[in-house]
């Protein structure tokens, strides 16, 4: 008779302090007891776009390990699922783990107490910026997003950014344009299949909502996410793009900004971005946000 095994699972809303807002992620503890196929099946069962599997460290240079799975496969690093995992560990009274290892390398994690609750931050090396998007390709992207070329922000040329997890960064004139977007998801998927990045991150520096510097939406139908509620990874790309254009606001003595995403789909989220530098050299981008645990459960595996 097979021994019964149990795993603790959590559903967490990240980049928010409100239930049923932000970006939901699954978190599975004690995942060192699981095989890769079991992780994949659990991710599919939980149904979130991303699930973080938490494991103890296996070397001296980190405090814990995470693996990330979508319902379709493994990914190297997921920002909102990282925040979700550390919110779960915090809720259980476990020691803060500052150095996180995953297949995409190390990430530095911070806890940021505040009047509205603890926020969790991860720092990543500065991502690469790619070339400007070719005129013909840009025209197809603009049409697929359901907008016209004159609704682009002329001060922010559209580019591709990032290596793994690359995104097309598309600046629009204002929040009203952003709200009107009605993407043709099949057309965006076809563009990704033809060589465009798998995600299209539309943003504006003239937001229509209060208490933020930028406002954004992101569409990733090629990887099974029609619209991503809130993306930490995409905001690391946006930070470097705005830095190159010298359009990053100054906050608390360092370049940074606050962005809102997800409200167009009823899952409002807030991303706090800061660019870390020393001696005039950019060392990394820190992404911070709150989290709220929606539920916890136990699954018995036989």
C-alpha atoms as a PDB file:
ATOM      1  CA  UNK A   1       0.000   0.000   0.000  1.00  0.00           C
ATOM      2  CA  UNK A   2       1.389   3.385  -0.990  1.00  0.00           C
ATOM      3  CA  UNK A   3       2.133   5.830   1.822  1.00  0.00           C
ATOM      4  CA  UNK A   4      -0.136   8.856   1.928  1.00  0.00           C
ATOM      5  CA  UNK A   5       1.584  12.187   1.304  1.00  0.00           C
ATOM      6  CA  UNK A   6       0.144  15.625   1.843  1.00  0.00           C
ATOM      7  CA  UNK A   7       1.098  19.039   0.456  1.00  0.00           C
ATOM      8  CA  UNK A   8      -0.026  22.440   1.681  1.00  0.00           C
ATOM      9  CA  UNK A   9      -1.296  24.741  -1.036  1.00  0.00           C
ATOM     10  CA  UNK A  10      -2.252  28.408  -0.988  1.00  0.00           C
ATOM     11  CA  UNK A  11      -3.955  30.773  -3.385  1.00  0.00           C
ATOM     12  CA  UNK A  12      -2.506  34.289  -3.073  1.00  0.00           C
ATOM     13  CA  UNK A  13      -3.434  37.581  -4.716  1.00  0.00           C
ATOM     14  CA  UNK A  14      -0.184  39.496  -5.388  1.00  0.00           C
ATOM     15  CA  UNK A  15       0.461  43.198  -6.048  1.00  0.00           C
ATOM     16  CA  UNK A  16      -2.559  44.080  -3.919  1.00  0.00           C
ATOM     17  CA  UNK A  17      -3.761  44.151  -0.320  1.00  0.00           C
ATOM     18  CA  UNK A  18      -7.354  43.371  -1.345  1.00  0.00           C
ATOM     19  CA  UNK A  19      -8.912  39.966  -1.878  1.00  0.00           C
ATOM     20  CA  UNK A  20      -9.838  39.069  -5.451  1.00  0.00           C
ATOM     21  CA  UNK A  21      -7.605  41.774  -6.904  1.00  0.00           C
ATOM     22  CA  UNK A  22      -4.058  41.856  -8.276  1.00  0.00           C
ATOM     23  CA  UNK A  23      -2.540  38.766  -9.869  1.00  0.00           C
ATOM     24  CA  UNK A  24      -3.433  35.366  -8.375  1.00  0.00           C
ATOM     25  CA  UNK A  25      -0.746  32.722  -7.904  1.00  0.00           C
ATOM     26  CA  UNK A  26      -0.619  29.267  -6.385  1.00  0.00           C
ATOM     27  CA  UNK A  27       1.992  28.392  -3.757  1.00  0.00           C
ATOM     28  CA  UNK A  28       2.898  24.823  -2.813  1.00  0.00           C
ATOM     29  CA  UNK A  29       5.082  24.208   0.246  1.00  0.00           C
ATOM     30  CA  UNK A  30       7.489  21.315   0.913  1.00  0.00           C
ATOM     31  CA  UNK A  31       7.777  20.698  -2.808  1.00  0.00           C
ATOM     32  CA  UNK A  32      11.059  18.787  -2.423  1.00  0.00           C
ATOM     33  CA  UNK A  33       8.838  15.747  -1.886  1.00  0.00           C
ATOM     34  CA  UNK A  34       7.301  16.138  -5.337  1.00  0.00           C
ATOM     35  CA  UNK A  35       8.452  14.946  -8.722  1.00  0.00           C
ATOM     36  CA  UNK A  36       8.367  17.201 -11.754  1.00  0.00           C
ATOM     37  CA  UNK A  37       5.272  15.512 -13.162  1.00  0.00           C
ATOM     38  CA  UNK A  38       3.458  15.997  -9.841  1.00  0.00           C
ATOM     39  CA  UNK A  39       4.354  19.691  -9.865  1.00  0.00           C
ATOM     40  CA  UNK A  40       2.988  20.026 -13.369  1.00  0.00           C
ATOM     41  CA  UNK A  41      -0.242  18.236 -12.455  1.00  0.00           C
ATOM     42  CA  UNK A  42      -0.709  20.354  -9.337  1.00  0.00           C
ATOM     43  CA  UNK A  43      -0.170  23.555 -11.331  1.00  0.00           C
ATOM     44  CA  UNK A  44      -2.788  22.413 -13.791  1.00  0.00           C
ATOM     45  CA  UNK A  45      -5.185  21.471 -10.990  1.00  0.00           C
ATOM     46  CA  UNK A  46      -4.816  24.801  -9.188  1.00  0.00           C
ATOM     47  CA  UNK A  47      -5.567  26.594 -12.444  1.00  0.00           C
ATOM     48  CA  UNK A  48      -3.610  29.801 -11.743  1.00  0.00           C
ATOM     49  CA  UNK A  49      -1.486  31.183 -14.547  1.00  0.00           C
ATOM     50  CA  UNK A  50       1.562  30.478 -12.330  1.00  0.00           C
ATOM     51  CA  UNK A  51       2.309  28.332  -9.281  1.00  0.00           C
ATOM     52  CA  UNK A  52       5.433  28.558  -7.116  1.00  0.00           C
ATOM     53  CA  UNK A  53       6.834  25.381  -5.584  1.00  0.00           C
ATOM     54  CA  UNK A  54       8.869  26.111  -2.458  1.00  0.00           C
ATOM     55  CA  UNK A  55      11.866  23.957  -1.493  1.00  0.00           C
ATOM     56  CA  UNK A  56      14.747  24.204   0.998  1.00  0.00           C
ATOM     57  CA  UNK A  57      18.185  25.426  -0.173  1.00  0.00           C
ATOM     58  CA  UNK A  58      20.687  23.005  -1.665  1.00  0.00           C
ATOM     59  CA  UNK A  59      23.770  25.288  -1.550  1.00  0.00           C
ATOM     60  CA  UNK A  60      25.225  27.988   0.687  1.00  0.00           C
ATOM     61  CA  UNK A  61      24.519  30.924  -1.643  1.00  0.00           C
ATOM     62  CA  UNK A  62      20.726  30.936  -1.123  1.00  0.00           C
ATOM     63  CA  UNK A  63      18.069  30.507   1.573  1.00  0.00           C
ATOM     64  CA  UNK A  64      15.370  28.714  -0.404  1.00  0.00           C
ATOM     65  CA  UNK A  65      14.601  27.435  -3.882  1.00  0.00           C
ATOM     66  CA  UNK A  66      11.539  27.989  -6.033  1.00  0.00           C
ATOM     67  CA  UNK A  67      10.310  26.340  -9.196  1.00  0.00           C
ATOM     68  CA  UNK A  68       7.542  27.930 -11.251  1.00  0.00           C
ATOM     69  CA  UNK A  69       4.971  26.083 -13.338  1.00  0.00           C
ATOM     70  CA  UNK A  70       2.093  27.260 -15.492  1.00  0.00           C
ATOM     71  CA  UNK A  71      -0.653  24.757 -16.378  1.00  0.00           C
ATOM     72  CA  UNK A  72       1.403  24.098 -19.546  1.00  0.00           C
ATOM     73  CA  UNK A  73       5.050  23.955 -18.428  1.00  0.00           C
ATOM     74  CA  UNK A  74       7.892  25.276 -16.303  1.00  0.00           C
ATOM     75  CA  UNK A  75       9.191  28.852 -16.416  1.00  0.00           C
ATOM     76  CA  UNK A  76      12.405  30.355 -15.062  1.00  0.00           C
ATOM     77  CA  UNK A  77      11.135  33.160 -12.821  1.00  0.00           C
ATOM     78  CA  UNK A  78       7.743  34.666 -11.993  1.00  0.00           C
ATOM     79  CA  UNK A  79       7.557  37.931 -10.073  1.00  0.00           C
ATOM     80  CA  UNK A  80       4.026  37.806  -8.673  1.00  0.00           C
ATOM     81  CA  UNK A  81       4.389  34.163  -7.657  1.00  0.00           C
ATOM     82  CA  UNK A  82       7.614  35.073  -5.833  1.00  0.00           C
ATOM     83  CA  UNK A  83       5.762  37.747  -3.853  1.00  0.00           C
ATOM     84  CA  UNK A  84       2.990  35.228  -3.158  1.00  0.00           C
ATOM     85  CA  UNK A  85       5.439  32.617  -1.851  1.00  0.00           C
ATOM     86  CA  UNK A  86       7.114  35.003   0.572  1.00  0.00           C
ATOM     87  CA  UNK A  87       3.751  36.259   1.825  1.00  0.00           C
ATOM     88  CA  UNK A  88       2.845  32.648   2.662  1.00  0.00           C
ATOM     89  CA  UNK A  89       6.128  32.046   4.497  1.00  0.00           C
ATOM     90  CA  UNK A  90       5.617  35.283   6.425  1.00  0.00           C
ATOM     91  CA  UNK A  91       2.067  34.312   7.394  1.00  0.00           C
ATOM     92  CA  UNK A  92       3.384  31.072   8.886  1.00  0.00           C
ATOM     93  CA  UNK A  93       5.945  32.907  11.008  1.00  0.00           C
ATOM     94  CA  UNK A  94       8.883  31.359   9.171  1.00  0.00           C
ATOM     95  CA  UNK A  95      12.263  33.174   8.975  1.00  0.00           C
ATOM     96  CA  UNK A  96      12.708  35.690   6.177  1.00  0.00           C
ATOM     97  CA  UNK A  97      14.575  34.164   3.234  1.00  0.00           C
ATOM     98  CA  UNK A  98      16.522  36.904   1.508  1.00  0.00           C
ATOM     99  CA  UNK A  99      18.280  34.948  -1.241  1.00  0.00           C
ATOM    100  CA  UNK A 100      16.054  32.960  -3.587  1.00  0.00           C
ATOM    101  CA  UNK A 101      17.364  30.478  -6.144  1.00  0.00           C
ATOM    102  CA  UNK A 102      15.477  29.434  -9.281  1.00  0.00           C
ATOM    103  CA  UNK A 103      16.467  28.218 -12.721  1.00  0.00           C
ATOM    104  CA  UNK A 104      16.817  31.854 -13.856  1.00  0.00           C
ATOM    105  CA  UNK A 105      19.453  32.557 -11.178  1.00  0.00           C
ATOM    106  CA  UNK A 106      19.401  34.308  -7.820  1.00  0.00           C
ATOM    107  CA  UNK A 107      16.917  36.964  -6.699  1.00  0.00           C
ATOM    108  CA  UNK A 108      17.245  39.191  -3.634  1.00  0.00           C
ATOM    109  CA  UNK A 109      14.079  39.406  -1.545  1.00  0.00           C
ATOM    110  CA  UNK A 110      13.117  42.169   0.913  1.00  0.00           C
ATOM    111  CA  UNK A 111      10.255  42.610   3.379  1.00  0.00           C
ATOM    112  CA  UNK A 112       8.975  46.195   3.507  1.00  0.00           C
ATOM    113  CA  UNK A 113       6.651  46.861   6.470  1.00  0.00           C
ATOM    114  CA  UNK A 114       4.190  49.716   6.012  1.00  0.00           C
ATOM    115  CA  UNK A 115       0.921  51.177   7.288  1.00  0.00           C
ATOM    116  CA  UNK A 116      -1.119  49.096   4.833  1.00  0.00           C
ATOM    117  CA  UNK A 117       0.715  45.882   5.609  1.00  0.00           C
ATOM    118  CA  UNK A 118       3.947  44.255   4.557  1.00  0.00           C
ATOM    119  CA  UNK A 119       5.072  44.543   0.962  1.00  0.00           C
ATOM    120  CA  UNK A 120       7.487  42.083  -0.605  1.00  0.00           C
ATOM    121  CA  UNK A 121      10.177  43.069  -3.070  1.00  0.00           C
ATOM    122  CA  UNK A 122      12.445  41.175  -5.419  1.00  0.00           C
ATOM    123  CA  UNK A 123      15.522  42.583  -7.116  1.00  0.00           C
ATOM    124  CA  UNK A 124      16.722  41.367 -10.490  1.00  0.00           C
ATOM    125  CA  UNK A 125      19.728  42.274 -12.642  1.00  0.00           C
ATOM    126  CA  UNK A 126      18.973  45.008 -15.181  1.00  0.00           C
ATOM    127  CA  UNK A 127      17.364  43.384 -18.240  1.00  0.00           C
ATOM    128  CA  UNK A 128      18.518  43.921 -21.790  1.00  0.00           C
ATOM    129  CA  UNK A 129      16.812  46.357 -24.128  1.00  0.00           C
ATOM    130  CA  UNK A 130      16.439  45.315 -27.728  1.00  0.00           C
ATOM    131  CA  UNK A 131      15.990  47.186 -30.967  1.00  0.00           C
ATOM    132  CA  UNK A 132      13.124  49.402 -31.996  1.00  0.00           C
ATOM    133  CA  UNK A 133      10.230  47.514 -33.559  1.00  0.00           C
ATOM    134  CA  UNK A 134      10.272  47.707 -37.355  1.00  0.00           C
ATOM    135  CA  UNK A 135       7.675  49.977 -38.923  1.00  0.00           C
ATOM    136  CA  UNK A 136       5.780  47.208 -40.759  1.00  0.00           C
ATOM    137  CA  UNK A 137       5.701  44.981 -37.693  1.00  0.00           C
ATOM    138  CA  UNK A 138       4.632  47.881 -35.495  1.00  0.00           C
ATOM    139  CA  UNK A 139       1.736  48.591 -37.834  1.00  0.00           C
ATOM    140  CA  UNK A 140       0.533  45.011 -37.453  1.00  0.00           C
ATOM    141  CA  UNK A 141       0.869  45.170 -33.649  1.00  0.00           C
ATOM    142  CA  UNK A 142      -1.019  48.465 -33.474  1.00  0.00           C
ATOM    143  CA  UNK A 143      -3.841  47.046 -35.595  1.00  0.00           C
ATOM    144  CA  UNK A 144      -3.980  43.845 -33.535  1.00  0.00           C
ATOM    145  CA  UNK A 145      -4.248  45.897 -30.323  1.00  0.00           C
ATOM    146  CA  UNK A 146      -7.264  47.706 -31.761  1.00  0.00           C
ATOM    147  CA  UNK A 147      -5.744  51.178 -31.941  1.00  0.00           C
ATOM    148  CA  UNK A 148      -4.477  53.621 -34.551  1.00  0.00           C
ATOM    149  CA  UNK A 149      -0.863  54.769 -35.096  1.00  0.00           C
ATOM    150  CA  UNK A 150      -1.648  58.322 -33.955  1.00  0.00           C
ATOM    151  CA  UNK A 151      -2.549  56.934 -30.527  1.00  0.00           C
ATOM    152  CA  UNK A 152       1.068  55.927 -29.872  1.00  0.00           C
ATOM    153  CA  UNK A 153       3.206  58.092 -27.576  1.00  0.00           C
ATOM    154  CA  UNK A 154       5.782  59.720 -29.892  1.00  0.00           C
ATOM    155  CA  UNK A 155       8.151  60.237 -26.966  1.00  0.00           C
ATOM    156  CA  UNK A 156       8.518  56.506 -26.236  1.00  0.00           C
ATOM    157  CA  UNK A 157       9.503  54.502 -29.324  1.00  0.00           C
ATOM    158  CA  UNK A 158       8.182  50.913 -29.202  1.00  0.00           C
ATOM    159  CA  UNK A 159      10.908  48.338 -28.553  1.00  0.00           C
ATOM    160  CA  UNK A 160      11.459  44.688 -27.703  1.00  0.00           C
ATOM    161  CA  UNK A 161      13.020  44.164 -24.281  1.00  0.00           C
ATOM    162  CA  UNK A 162      14.284  41.183 -22.321  1.00  0.00           C
ATOM    163  CA  UNK A 163      15.904  37.899 -23.269  1.00  0.00           C
ATOM    164  CA  UNK A 164      13.895  35.018 -21.831  1.00  0.00           C
ATOM    165  CA  UNK A 165      10.393  36.341 -21.313  1.00  0.00           C
ATOM    166  CA  UNK A 166      10.865  39.124 -23.876  1.00  0.00           C
ATOM    167  CA  UNK A 167       8.043  41.617 -24.318  1.00  0.00           C
ATOM    168  CA  UNK A 168       7.080  44.244 -26.856  1.00  0.00           C
ATOM    169  CA  UNK A 169       6.826  47.573 -25.002  1.00  0.00           C
ATOM    170  CA  UNK A 170       4.212  49.799 -26.622  1.00  0.00           C
ATOM    171  CA  UNK A 171       3.647  53.309 -25.225  1.00  0.00           C
ATOM    172  CA  UNK A 172       0.245  54.897 -25.861  1.00  0.00           C
ATOM    173  CA  UNK A 173      -0.698  58.560 -25.486  1.00  0.00           C
ATOM    174  CA  UNK A 174      -2.878  58.320 -22.381  1.00  0.00           C
ATOM    175  CA  UNK A 175      -5.038  56.184 -20.152  1.00  0.00           C
ATOM    176  CA  UNK A 176      -8.098  56.696 -22.323  1.00  0.00           C
ATOM    177  CA  UNK A 177      -6.336  54.948 -25.218  1.00  0.00           C
ATOM    178  CA  UNK A 178      -5.269  52.150 -22.898  1.00  0.00           C
ATOM    179  CA  UNK A 179      -8.853  51.627 -21.720  1.00  0.00           C
ATOM    180  CA  UNK A 180     -10.133  51.439 -25.312  1.00  0.00           C
ATOM    181  CA  UNK A 181      -7.813  48.643 -26.404  1.00  0.00           C
ATOM    182  CA  UNK A 182      -9.708  45.656 -27.800  1.00  0.00           C
ATOM    183  CA  UNK A 183      -6.993  43.265 -28.939  1.00  0.00           C
ATOM    184  CA  UNK A 184      -7.424  40.672 -31.619  1.00  0.00           C
ATOM    185  CA  UNK A 185      -5.938  37.792 -29.637  1.00  0.00           C
ATOM    186  CA  UNK A 186      -5.620  35.492 -32.642  1.00  0.00           C
ATOM    187  CA  UNK A 187      -3.714  38.190 -34.526  1.00  0.00           C
ATOM    188  CA  UNK A 188      -1.373  38.770 -31.566  1.00  0.00           C
ATOM    189  CA  UNK A 189      -0.727  35.017 -31.304  1.00  0.00           C
ATOM    190  CA  UNK A 190       0.067  34.910 -35.010  1.00  0.00           C
ATOM    191  CA  UNK A 191       2.522  37.803 -34.611  1.00  0.00           C
ATOM    192  CA  UNK A 192       4.262  35.948 -31.776  1.00  0.00           C
ATOM    193  CA  UNK A 193       4.455  32.817 -33.920  1.00  0.00           C
ATOM    194  CA  UNK A 194       6.004  34.922 -36.695  1.00  0.00           C
ATOM    195  CA  UNK A 195       8.817  36.207 -34.477  1.00  0.00           C
ATOM    196  CA  UNK A 196       7.352  38.881 -32.198  1.00  0.00           C
ATOM    197  CA  UNK A 197       7.690  38.381 -28.436  1.00  0.00           C
ATOM    198  CA  UNK A 198       5.051  36.265 -26.690  1.00  0.00           C
ATOM    199  CA  UNK A 199       3.776  39.283 -24.749  1.00  0.00           C
ATOM    200  CA  UNK A 200       2.637  42.796 -25.669  1.00  0.00           C
ATOM    201  CA  UNK A 201       2.965  45.309 -22.818  1.00  0.00           C
ATOM    202  CA  UNK A 202       1.003  48.499 -23.482  1.00  0.00           C
ATOM    203  CA  UNK A 203       1.616  51.383 -21.091  1.00  0.00           C
ATOM    204  CA  UNK A 204       1.194  55.120 -20.716  1.00  0.00           C
ATOM    205  CA  UNK A 205       2.961  57.914 -18.864  1.00  0.00           C
ATOM    206  CA  UNK A 206      -0.336  59.853 -18.769  1.00  0.00           C
ATOM    207  CA  UNK A 207      -2.502  57.536 -16.646  1.00  0.00           C
ATOM    208  CA  UNK A 208      -6.257  57.973 -16.287  1.00  0.00           C
ATOM    209  CA  UNK A 209      -6.219  56.612 -12.710  1.00  0.00           C
ATOM    210  CA  UNK A 210      -4.937  58.353  -9.597  1.00  0.00           C
ATOM    211  CA  UNK A 211      -1.860  57.774  -7.431  1.00  0.00           C
ATOM    212  CA  UNK A 212       0.473  56.399 -10.076  1.00  0.00           C
ATOM    213  CA  UNK A 213       3.053  57.466 -12.626  1.00  0.00           C
ATOM    214  CA  UNK A 214       2.306  54.821 -15.253  1.00  0.00           C
ATOM    215  CA  UNK A 215      -0.624  52.632 -16.165  1.00  0.00           C
ATOM    216  CA  UNK A 216      -0.372  49.381 -18.107  1.00  0.00           C
ATOM    217  CA  UNK A 217      -2.035  46.361 -19.698  1.00  0.00           C
ATOM    218  CA  UNK A 218      -0.393  43.216 -21.044  1.00  0.00           C
ATOM    219  CA  UNK A 219      -1.610  40.602 -23.523  1.00  0.00           C
ATOM    220  CA  UNK A 220       0.080  37.193 -23.876  1.00  0.00           C
ATOM    221  CA  UNK A 221      -2.299  34.922 -25.820  1.00  0.00           C
ATOM    222  CA  UNK A 222       0.598  32.943 -27.328  1.00  0.00           C
ATOM    223  CA  UNK A 223       1.360  31.489 -23.873  1.00  0.00           C
ATOM    224  CA  UNK A 224      -2.270  31.027 -22.859  1.00  0.00           C
ATOM    225  CA  UNK A 225      -2.772  34.337 -21.006  1.00  0.00           C
ATOM    226  CA  UNK A 226      -5.208  36.568 -22.869  1.00  0.00           C
ATOM    227  CA  UNK A 227      -4.569  39.465 -20.477  1.00  0.00           C
ATOM    228  CA  UNK A 228      -2.116  39.311 -17.576  1.00  0.00           C
ATOM    229  CA  UNK A 229      -3.565  41.115 -14.519  1.00  0.00           C
ATOM    230  CA  UNK A 230      -0.265  42.485 -13.126  1.00  0.00           C
ATOM    231  CA  UNK A 231       3.281  41.739 -14.317  1.00  0.00           C
ATOM    232  CA  UNK A 232       6.332  42.409 -12.171  1.00  0.00           C
ATOM    233  CA  UNK A 233       8.719  41.145 -14.838  1.00  0.00           C
ATOM    234  CA  UNK A 234       7.336  43.484 -17.501  1.00  0.00           C
ATOM    235  CA  UNK A 235       7.821  46.427 -15.162  1.00  0.00           C
ATOM    236  CA  UNK A 236      11.534  45.626 -14.822  1.00  0.00           C
ATOM    237  CA  UNK A 237      11.715  45.987 -18.617  1.00  0.00           C
ATOM    238  CA  UNK A 238       9.713  49.204 -18.508  1.00  0.00           C
ATOM    239  CA  UNK A 239      12.059  50.636 -15.865  1.00  0.00           C
ATOM    240  CA  UNK A 240      15.112  50.206 -18.085  1.00  0.00           C
ATOM    241  CA  UNK A 241      13.246  51.528 -21.124  1.00  0.00           C
ATOM    242  CA  UNK A 242      12.222  54.715 -19.306  1.00  0.00           C
ATOM    243  CA  UNK A 243      15.715  55.083 -17.858  1.00  0.00           C
ATOM    244  CA  UNK A 244      17.219  54.979 -21.344  1.00  0.00           C
ATOM    245  CA  UNK A 245      14.759  57.678 -22.403  1.00  0.00           C
ATOM    246  CA  UNK A 246      15.469  59.732 -19.249  1.00  0.00           C
ATOM    247  CA  UNK A 247      11.784  59.638 -18.367  1.00  0.00           C
ATOM    248  CA  UNK A 248      11.899  57.954 -14.935  1.00  0.00           C
ATOM    249  CA  UNK A 249      10.564  60.075 -12.049  1.00  0.00           C
ATOM    250  CA  UNK A 250      12.745  60.561  -8.953  1.00  0.00           C
ATOM    251  CA  UNK A 251      11.288  59.019  -5.790  1.00  0.00           C
ATOM    252  CA  UNK A 252      12.961  58.940  -2.358  1.00  0.00           C
ATOM    253  CA  UNK A 253      16.316  59.852  -3.845  1.00  0.00           C
ATOM    254  CA  UNK A 254      16.448  57.159  -6.530  1.00  0.00           C
ATOM    255  CA  UNK A 255      14.790  56.698  -9.918  1.00  0.00           C
ATOM    256  CA  UNK A 256      11.487  54.913  -9.525  1.00  0.00           C
ATOM    257  CA  UNK A 257       7.766  54.995 -10.167  1.00  0.00           C
ATOM    258  CA  UNK A 258       4.424  53.517  -9.191  1.00  0.00           C
ATOM    259  CA  UNK A 259       2.345  51.721 -11.792  1.00  0.00           C
ATOM    260  CA  UNK A 260      -1.211  50.436 -11.831  1.00  0.00           C
ATOM    261  CA  UNK A 261      -2.351  47.440 -13.839  1.00  0.00           C
ATOM    262  CA  UNK A 262      -5.241  44.996 -13.760  1.00  0.00           C
ATOM    263  CA  UNK A 263      -8.079  47.450 -13.121  1.00  0.00           C
ATOM    264  CA  UNK A 264      -9.296  47.105 -16.708  1.00  0.00           C
ATOM    265  CA  UNK A 265     -10.172  43.470 -15.937  1.00  0.00           C
ATOM    266  CA  UNK A 266     -11.460  43.984 -12.380  1.00  0.00           C
ATOM    267  CA  UNK A 267      -8.217  42.915 -10.663  1.00  0.00           C
ATOM    268  CA  UNK A 268      -6.603  46.241  -9.711  1.00  0.00           C
ATOM    269  CA  UNK A 269      -2.948  45.967  -8.731  1.00  0.00           C
ATOM    270  CA  UNK A 270      -0.110  48.292  -7.770  1.00  0.00           C
ATOM    271  CA  UNK A 271       3.576  47.823  -8.665  1.00  0.00           C
ATOM    272  CA  UNK A 272       6.325  49.870  -7.010  1.00  0.00           C
ATOM    273  CA  UNK A 273       9.481  50.104  -9.116  1.00  0.00           C
ATOM    274  CA  UNK A 274      12.918  51.398  -8.146  1.00  0.00           C
ATOM    275  CA  UNK A 275      16.173  51.368 -10.092  1.00  0.00           C
ATOM    276  CA  UNK A 276      19.220  50.556  -7.994  1.00  0.00           C
ATOM    277  CA  UNK A 277      22.576  51.996  -8.946  1.00  0.00           C
ATOM    278  CA  UNK A 278      26.047  52.571  -7.500  1.00  0.00           C
ATOM    279  CA  UNK A 279      28.754  54.803  -8.912  1.00  0.00           C
ATOM    280  CA  UNK A 280      26.567  55.663 -11.877  1.00  0.00           C
ATOM    281  CA  UNK A 281      26.118  51.987 -12.832  1.00  0.00           C
ATOM    282  CA  UNK A 282      22.689  50.341 -12.719  1.00  0.00           C
ATOM    283  CA  UNK A 283      22.901  47.272 -10.482  1.00  0.00           C
ATOM    284  CA  UNK A 284      19.335  46.067 -10.609  1.00  0.00           C
ATOM    285  CA  UNK A 285      15.624  46.791 -10.619  1.00  0.00           C
ATOM    286  CA  UNK A 286      13.524  46.249  -7.510  1.00  0.00           C
ATOM    287  CA  UNK A 287       9.832  45.402  -7.832  1.00  0.00           C
ATOM    288  CA  UNK A 288       7.591  45.574  -4.761  1.00  0.00           C
ATOM    289  CA  UNK A 289       3.961  44.868  -3.972  1.00  0.00           C
ATOM    290  CA  UNK A 290       1.568  43.647  -1.341  1.00  0.00           C
ATOM    291  CA  UNK A 291      -0.149  40.281  -1.124  1.00  0.00           C
ATOM    292  CA  UNK A 292      -3.308  38.787   0.339  1.00  0.00           C
ATOM    293  CA  UNK A 293      -3.826  35.061   0.954  1.00  0.00           C
ATOM    294  CA  UNK A 294      -7.198  34.013  -0.439  1.00  0.00           C
ATOM    295  CA  UNK A 295      -7.278  30.462   0.928  1.00  0.00           C
ATOM    296  CA  UNK A 296      -5.177  27.554   2.163  1.00  0.00           C
ATOM    297  CA  UNK A 297      -5.818  23.854   1.736  1.00  0.00           C
ATOM    298  CA  UNK A 298      -4.185  20.443   1.895  1.00  0.00           C
ATOM    299  CA  UNK A 299      -4.071  17.947  -0.945  1.00  0.00           C
ATOM    300  CA  UNK A 300      -3.448  14.293  -0.192  1.00  0.00           C
ATOM    301  CA  UNK A 301      -1.331  12.533  -2.786  1.00  0.00           C
ATOM    302  CA  UNK A 302      -1.542   8.746  -2.869  1.00  0.00           C
END
